[in-house]
């Protein structure tokens, strides 16, 4: 089983669009890149999914995690709406990136503009298990806003770990 991302970090963007990836997150990206150990460049490969225009976040996946998703997509019927939608999201609305030897990720200008990242912007790197969600600290991701409403519908005393029992039945 691949290592999971855990925790939340705040990272600043420099004038060249670089962000230093926190060491504990970088270790997961390194471990999830099968070519990293054999790489002469010392650069870790990963994939950024930027999604449709309304997304106000990006998702960073290790190579192993994105390959697992690709395998799941490949098992869907070719030409089905579900497969086509997932192919568009995970392949068409994504880009390959790398972490350099100094542990920095250069975010393309297109993505920095989409998220409102300028020099000195403090970004949020929030772990989601098999990926990291990156967003502007002044704009909570729209998917998290929906999740918060779902959580509120269960009340403040509800323990979400009860959902794990449902996972065991599946």
Protein backbone atom coordinates (compact mmCIF):
# COMPACT_ATOMS: atom_id res chain seq x y z
CA UNK A 1 0.00 0.00 0.00
CA UNK A 2 1.31 3.46 -0.91
CA UNK A 3 2.11 5.97 1.79
CA UNK A 4 -0.59 8.55 2.48
CA UNK A 5 -0.31 12.30 2.68
CA UNK A 6 -1.16 13.72 6.10
CA UNK A 7 -1.44 17.20 7.56
CA UNK A 8 -1.76 20.77 6.34
CA UNK A 9 1.10 23.09 5.45
CA UNK A 10 1.34 26.73 4.36
CA UNK A 11 3.80 27.45 1.57
CA UNK A 12 4.78 30.77 -0.05
CA UNK A 13 5.13 31.32 -3.80
CA UNK A 14 8.28 33.09 -4.93
CA UNK A 15 8.69 35.46 -7.88
CA UNK A 16 9.40 32.59 -10.28
CA UNK A 17 6.32 30.62 -9.26
CA UNK A 18 8.29 28.17 -7.12
CA UNK A 19 6.99 26.65 -3.91
CA UNK A 20 9.10 24.63 -1.48
CA UNK A 21 7.35 21.34 -0.86
CA UNK A 22 7.43 20.47 2.86
CA UNK A 23 9.79 17.56 3.50
CA UNK A 24 7.15 15.18 4.88
CA UNK A 25 4.97 15.67 1.78
CA UNK A 26 7.99 15.44 -0.51
CA UNK A 27 8.90 12.04 0.99
CA UNK A 28 5.48 10.71 -0.05
CA UNK A 29 5.88 12.10 -3.59
CA UNK A 30 9.39 10.57 -3.77
CA UNK A 31 8.12 7.18 -2.57
CA UNK A 32 5.25 7.34 -5.08
CA UNK A 33 7.53 7.93 -8.09
CA UNK A 34 8.87 4.53 -9.22
CA UNK A 35 11.52 6.25 -11.37
CA UNK A 36 12.82 8.54 -8.63
CA UNK A 37 15.49 6.20 -7.22
CA UNK A 38 16.84 5.43 -10.69
CA UNK A 39 16.66 9.05 -11.85
CA UNK A 40 19.98 10.75 -12.54
CA UNK A 41 18.29 14.15 -12.29
CA UNK A 42 17.10 13.73 -8.70
CA UNK A 43 13.73 15.15 -9.68
CA UNK A 44 10.45 13.68 -8.49
CA UNK A 45 7.62 13.43 -11.01
CA UNK A 46 3.99 14.12 -10.09
CA UNK A 47 0.71 15.14 -11.71
CA UNK A 48 -1.35 18.27 -11.03
CA UNK A 49 -5.06 18.04 -11.81
CA UNK A 50 -6.46 21.54 -12.19
CA UNK A 51 -9.99 20.58 -13.22
CA UNK A 52 -12.71 22.71 -14.77
CA UNK A 53 -12.83 26.50 -14.62
CA UNK A 54 -14.96 26.56 -11.44
CA UNK A 55 -12.34 24.65 -9.42
CA UNK A 56 -10.51 27.04 -7.13
CA UNK A 57 -7.88 24.45 -6.21
CA UNK A 58 -5.50 21.95 -7.77
CA UNK A 59 -4.79 18.39 -6.75
CA UNK A 60 -1.24 17.00 -6.68
CA UNK A 61 -0.93 13.23 -7.17
CA UNK A 62 2.09 10.97 -6.93
CA UNK A 63 2.82 8.90 -10.02
CA UNK A 64 1.64 5.71 -8.27
CA UNK A 65 -1.65 7.34 -7.22
CA UNK A 66 -2.40 8.71 -10.69
CA UNK A 67 -1.54 5.36 -12.29
CA UNK A 68 -4.01 3.62 -9.94
CA UNK A 69 -6.70 6.09 -11.03
CA UNK A 70 -5.80 5.54 -14.69
CA UNK A 71 -6.24 1.78 -14.18
CA UNK A 72 -9.70 2.37 -12.65
CA UNK A 73 -10.68 4.60 -15.57
CA UNK A 74 -9.46 1.97 -18.05
CA UNK A 75 -11.83 -0.59 -16.48
CA UNK A 76 -14.87 1.56 -17.32
CA UNK A 77 -16.62 0.86 -20.63
CA UNK A 78 -14.91 2.69 -23.49
CA UNK A 79 -17.10 5.53 -24.70
CA UNK A 80 -19.26 5.63 -21.56
CA UNK A 81 -20.11 9.06 -20.22
CA UNK A 82 -18.45 8.21 -16.90
CA UNK A 83 -15.18 7.19 -18.56
CA UNK A 84 -15.16 10.18 -20.89
CA UNK A 85 -15.81 12.57 -17.98
CA UNK A 86 -13.04 11.04 -15.86
CA UNK A 87 -10.63 11.02 -18.81
CA UNK A 88 -11.31 14.71 -19.38
CA UNK A 89 -10.79 15.55 -15.71
CA UNK A 90 -7.83 13.34 -14.86
CA UNK A 91 -6.01 13.48 -18.22
CA UNK A 92 -7.25 16.51 -20.17
CA UNK A 93 -7.36 18.90 -17.21
CA UNK A 94 -4.00 17.95 -15.73
CA UNK A 95 -0.31 18.48 -16.30
CA UNK A 96 2.94 16.72 -15.43
CA UNK A 97 5.16 18.51 -12.93
CA UNK A 98 8.35 17.78 -11.06
CA UNK A 99 9.98 18.65 -7.78
CA UNK A 100 13.55 19.86 -8.32
CA UNK A 101 16.66 18.86 -6.34
CA UNK A 102 16.03 21.69 -3.88
CA UNK A 103 12.54 20.38 -3.13
CA UNK A 104 10.71 23.09 -5.07
CA UNK A 105 7.76 22.77 -7.38
CA UNK A 106 7.37 25.29 -10.20
CA UNK A 107 3.68 25.91 -10.81
CA UNK A 108 2.96 26.96 -14.41
CA UNK A 109 1.77 30.54 -14.89
CA UNK A 110 -1.63 29.32 -16.13
CA UNK A 111 -2.25 27.55 -12.81
CA UNK A 112 -0.90 30.40 -10.70
CA UNK A 113 -3.25 32.79 -12.47
CA UNK A 114 -6.21 30.43 -12.06
CA UNK A 115 -5.63 30.24 -8.30
CA UNK A 116 -4.62 33.87 -7.78
CA UNK A 117 -1.08 32.97 -6.68
CA UNK A 118 1.35 35.87 -6.97
CA UNK A 119 4.80 36.44 -5.52
CA UNK A 120 4.59 36.14 -1.76
CA UNK A 121 1.18 34.47 -1.72
CA UNK A 122 0.89 31.98 1.10
CA UNK A 123 -0.77 28.83 -0.26
CA UNK A 124 -2.38 25.96 1.60
CA UNK A 125 -1.27 22.36 1.01
CA UNK A 126 -3.96 20.17 2.58
CA UNK A 127 -3.55 16.40 2.58
CA UNK A 128 -6.32 14.18 1.25
CA UNK A 129 -4.75 10.75 1.65
CA UNK A 130 -3.65 9.90 -1.87
CA UNK A 131 -3.32 13.51 -3.05
CA UNK A 132 -2.67 17.03 -1.80
CA UNK A 133 -5.17 19.80 -2.41
CA UNK A 134 -3.55 23.21 -3.01
CA UNK A 135 -5.51 26.46 -2.77
CA UNK A 136 -5.45 30.13 -1.91
CA UNK A 137 -5.95 30.60 1.85
CA UNK A 138 -8.62 33.27 1.30
CA UNK A 139 -10.80 30.91 -0.78
CA UNK A 140 -11.80 27.60 0.79
CA UNK A 141 -12.18 25.05 -2.02
CA UNK A 142 -15.75 24.74 -3.28
CA UNK A 143 -15.72 20.97 -2.77
CA UNK A 144 -14.78 21.46 0.89
CA UNK A 145 -17.61 23.96 1.32
CA UNK A 146 -20.04 21.27 0.12
CA UNK A 147 -18.43 18.72 2.45
CA UNK A 148 -18.82 21.08 5.41
CA UNK A 149 -22.55 21.39 4.63
CA UNK A 150 -22.79 17.57 4.51
CA UNK A 151 -21.04 17.33 7.88
CA UNK A 152 -23.34 19.94 9.41
CA UNK A 153 -26.37 17.92 8.28
CA UNK A 154 -25.21 15.11 10.60
CA UNK A 155 -24.92 17.36 13.65
CA UNK A 156 -21.98 18.29 15.87
CA UNK A 157 -21.93 15.05 17.87
CA UNK A 158 -21.76 12.76 14.81
CA UNK A 159 -18.58 10.70 14.47
CA UNK A 160 -17.73 10.26 10.76
CA UNK A 161 -15.66 7.15 11.49
CA UNK A 162 -18.96 5.26 11.44
CA UNK A 163 -18.64 5.42 7.63
CA UNK A 164 -15.69 3.04 7.93
CA UNK A 165 -18.13 0.26 8.84
CA UNK A 166 -19.86 0.84 5.51
CA UNK A 167 -16.51 0.55 3.71
CA UNK A 168 -15.90 -2.83 5.35
CA UNK A 169 -19.27 -4.13 4.06
CA UNK A 170 -18.45 -3.12 0.44
